[in-house]
Amino acid sequence: MAPKSISGGDRRGAAKGKGKGKADTEEKASKVKPAQQVNVRHILCEKFSKKEEALQKLNAGAKFDEVAKEYSEDKPRAGGALGWKSRGDLDTKFEEAAFDLESSTTASPKYKEVKTEFGYHILMVEGRK
């Protein structure tokens, strides 16, 4: 996959002398700043039903690291912490989701779900650089 340009969106079709269209503004507002590394945590579950249980706990307000300790099949003692990962270090589906997420805290996580060959992941990003 080719890296995304950090110089901005495609300006074709924009009327000369006019401001950015509503779609351009909304598209840019929903994207996070590009990063080369993310500090990522995840909850890995082999079974869909276990992943759904973990999601229910998160949706009820539980801390991400506590849910990881209870449900994750990878790095549970570390609260699911994988540490700083660079582009190219992770499974492509997992990496795409991780680099699209904005930073959050374990107490108030913003997370995504992704399925890879390893199982069902719930992931969050604690830092970007």
Protein backbone atom coordinates (compact mmCIF):
# COMPACT_ATOMS: atom_id res chain seq x y z
CA MET A 1 0.00 0.00 0.00
CA ALA A 2 1.36 3.41 -0.94
CA PRO A 3 1.79 5.94 1.87
CA LYS A 4 -0.76 8.73 2.03
CA SER A 5 0.36 12.20 1.13
CA ILE A 6 0.71 14.59 4.02
CA SER A 7 0.51 17.59 1.73
CA GLY A 8 -3.28 17.61 1.62
CA GLY A 9 -6.17 16.34 -0.42
CA ASP A 10 -6.84 16.39 -4.12
CA ARG A 11 -7.87 19.91 -5.15
CA ARG A 12 -9.24 18.94 -8.57
CA GLY A 13 -12.81 20.07 -9.01
CA ALA A 14 -12.54 22.94 -6.53
CA ALA A 15 -13.75 26.19 -8.05
CA LYS A 16 -11.06 28.82 -8.44
CA GLY A 17 -11.28 31.50 -5.79
CA LYS A 18 -13.75 29.54 -3.66
CA GLY A 19 -13.15 28.07 -0.22
CA LYS A 20 -12.93 24.40 0.48
CA GLY A 21 -16.10 22.43 -0.02
CA LYS A 22 -18.01 20.96 2.91
CA ALA A 23 -16.95 17.42 1.95
CA ASP A 24 -13.25 18.42 1.98
CA THR A 25 -13.57 19.98 5.43
CA GLU A 26 -15.46 16.99 6.88
CA GLU A 27 -13.00 14.52 5.33
CA LYS A 28 -9.98 16.30 6.83
CA ALA A 29 -11.65 16.73 10.23
CA SER A 30 -12.23 12.98 10.52
CA LYS A 31 -8.59 12.03 9.78
CA VAL A 32 -5.86 11.95 12.38
CA LYS A 33 -2.42 13.43 11.76
CA PRO A 34 -0.05 11.05 9.98
CA ALA A 35 2.40 9.23 12.22
CA GLN A 36 5.33 6.88 11.74
CA GLN A 37 4.91 5.17 15.12
CA VAL A 38 2.05 4.38 17.46
CA ASN A 39 2.04 3.24 21.08
CA VAL A 40 -0.64 0.57 20.90
CA ARG A 41 -2.55 -1.75 23.24
CA HIS A 42 -4.86 -4.55 22.23
CA ILE A 43 -7.21 -7.19 23.51
CA LEU A 44 -6.84 -10.38 21.46
CA CYS A 45 -9.59 -13.00 21.61
CA GLU A 46 -9.67 -16.20 19.63
CA LYS A 47 -13.46 -16.44 19.92
CA PHE A 48 -15.94 -13.83 18.72
CA SER A 49 -18.12 -14.31 21.82
CA LYS A 50 -15.20 -13.52 24.15
CA LYS A 51 -14.41 -10.37 22.15
CA GLU A 52 -18.06 -9.31 22.47
CA GLU A 53 -17.91 -9.78 26.27
CA ALA A 54 -14.80 -7.58 26.40
CA LEU A 55 -16.57 -4.93 24.29
CA GLN A 56 -19.53 -4.92 26.68
CA LYS A 57 -17.16 -4.21 29.59
CA LEU A 58 -15.51 -1.36 27.66
CA ASN A 59 -18.88 0.08 26.67
CA ALA A 60 -19.90 -0.04 30.35
CA GLY A 61 -16.94 2.19 31.22
CA ALA A 62 -14.26 -0.30 32.32
CA LYS A 63 -10.61 0.71 31.83
CA PHE A 64 -8.99 -0.75 28.72
CA ASP A 65 -5.98 -2.24 30.54
CA GLU A 66 -8.22 -3.93 33.11
CA VAL A 67 -10.37 -5.52 30.41
CA ALA A 68 -7.19 -6.63 28.60
CA LYS A 69 -5.92 -8.31 31.79
CA GLU A 70 -9.18 -10.25 32.05
CA TYR A 71 -9.89 -11.11 28.40
CA SER A 72 -6.76 -10.82 26.24
CA GLU A 73 -4.93 -13.91 25.07
CA ASP A 74 -1.84 -11.81 24.29
CA LYS A 75 0.05 -9.63 26.81
CA PRO A 76 -2.67 -9.75 29.50
CA ARG A 77 -0.28 -8.93 32.37
CA ALA A 78 0.84 -5.82 30.52
CA GLY A 79 -2.75 -4.68 30.01
CA GLY A 80 -2.44 -5.51 26.32
CA ALA A 81 0.49 -3.11 25.82
CA LEU A 82 2.51 -3.78 22.67
CA GLY A 83 4.62 -0.63 23.01
CA TRP A 84 5.78 1.64 20.20
CA LYS A 85 5.33 0.09 16.75
CA SER A 86 6.50 1.50 13.43
CA ARG A 87 4.78 1.18 10.09
CA GLY A 88 5.53 -2.27 8.71
CA ASP A 89 5.90 -3.91 12.15
CA LEU A 90 2.33 -5.20 12.41
CA ASP A 91 -0.23 -7.29 10.54
CA THR A 92 -1.53 -5.08 7.71
CA LYS A 93 -5.18 -5.02 8.89
CA PHE A 94 -4.13 -4.34 12.48
CA GLU A 95 -1.67 -1.67 11.39
CA GLU A 96 -4.20 0.14 9.22
CA ALA A 97 -6.66 0.32 12.13
CA ALA A 98 -3.96 1.40 14.62
CA PHE A 99 -2.60 4.22 12.45
CA ASP A 100 -6.16 5.47 11.77
CA LEU A 101 -6.95 5.79 15.50
CA GLU A 102 -6.40 8.96 17.48
CA SER A 103 -4.63 8.78 20.83
CA SER A 104 -6.65 8.16 23.98
CA THR A 105 -6.18 6.93 27.54
CA THR A 106 -6.93 3.56 29.11
CA ALA A 107 -9.49 5.27 31.38
CA SER A 108 -11.34 6.77 28.42
CA PRO A 109 -10.31 4.68 25.41
CA LYS A 110 -11.14 5.24 21.77
CA TYR A 111 -10.88 1.83 20.20
CA LYS A 112 -11.42 -0.13 17.01
CA GLU A 113 -12.14 -3.74 16.27
CA VAL A 114 -10.28 -5.71 13.64
CA LYS A 115 -10.11 -9.38 12.69
CA THR A 116 -6.78 -10.84 11.61
CA GLU A 117 -5.43 -14.35 11.15
CA PHE A 118 -4.58 -14.27 14.88
CA GLY A 119 -8.15 -13.64 16.05
CA TYR A 120 -10.36 -10.73 17.04
CA HIS A 121 -8.62 -7.58 18.25
CA ILE A 122 -9.87 -4.54 20.10
CA LEU A 123 -7.15 -1.94 19.88
CA MET A 124 -6.41 1.50 21.20
CA VAL A 125 -3.56 3.94 20.67
CA GLU A 126 -1.94 5.77 23.59
CA GLY A 127 0.51 7.88 21.59
CA ARG A 128 1.53 8.86 18.06
CA LYS A 129 4.78 10.22 16.67
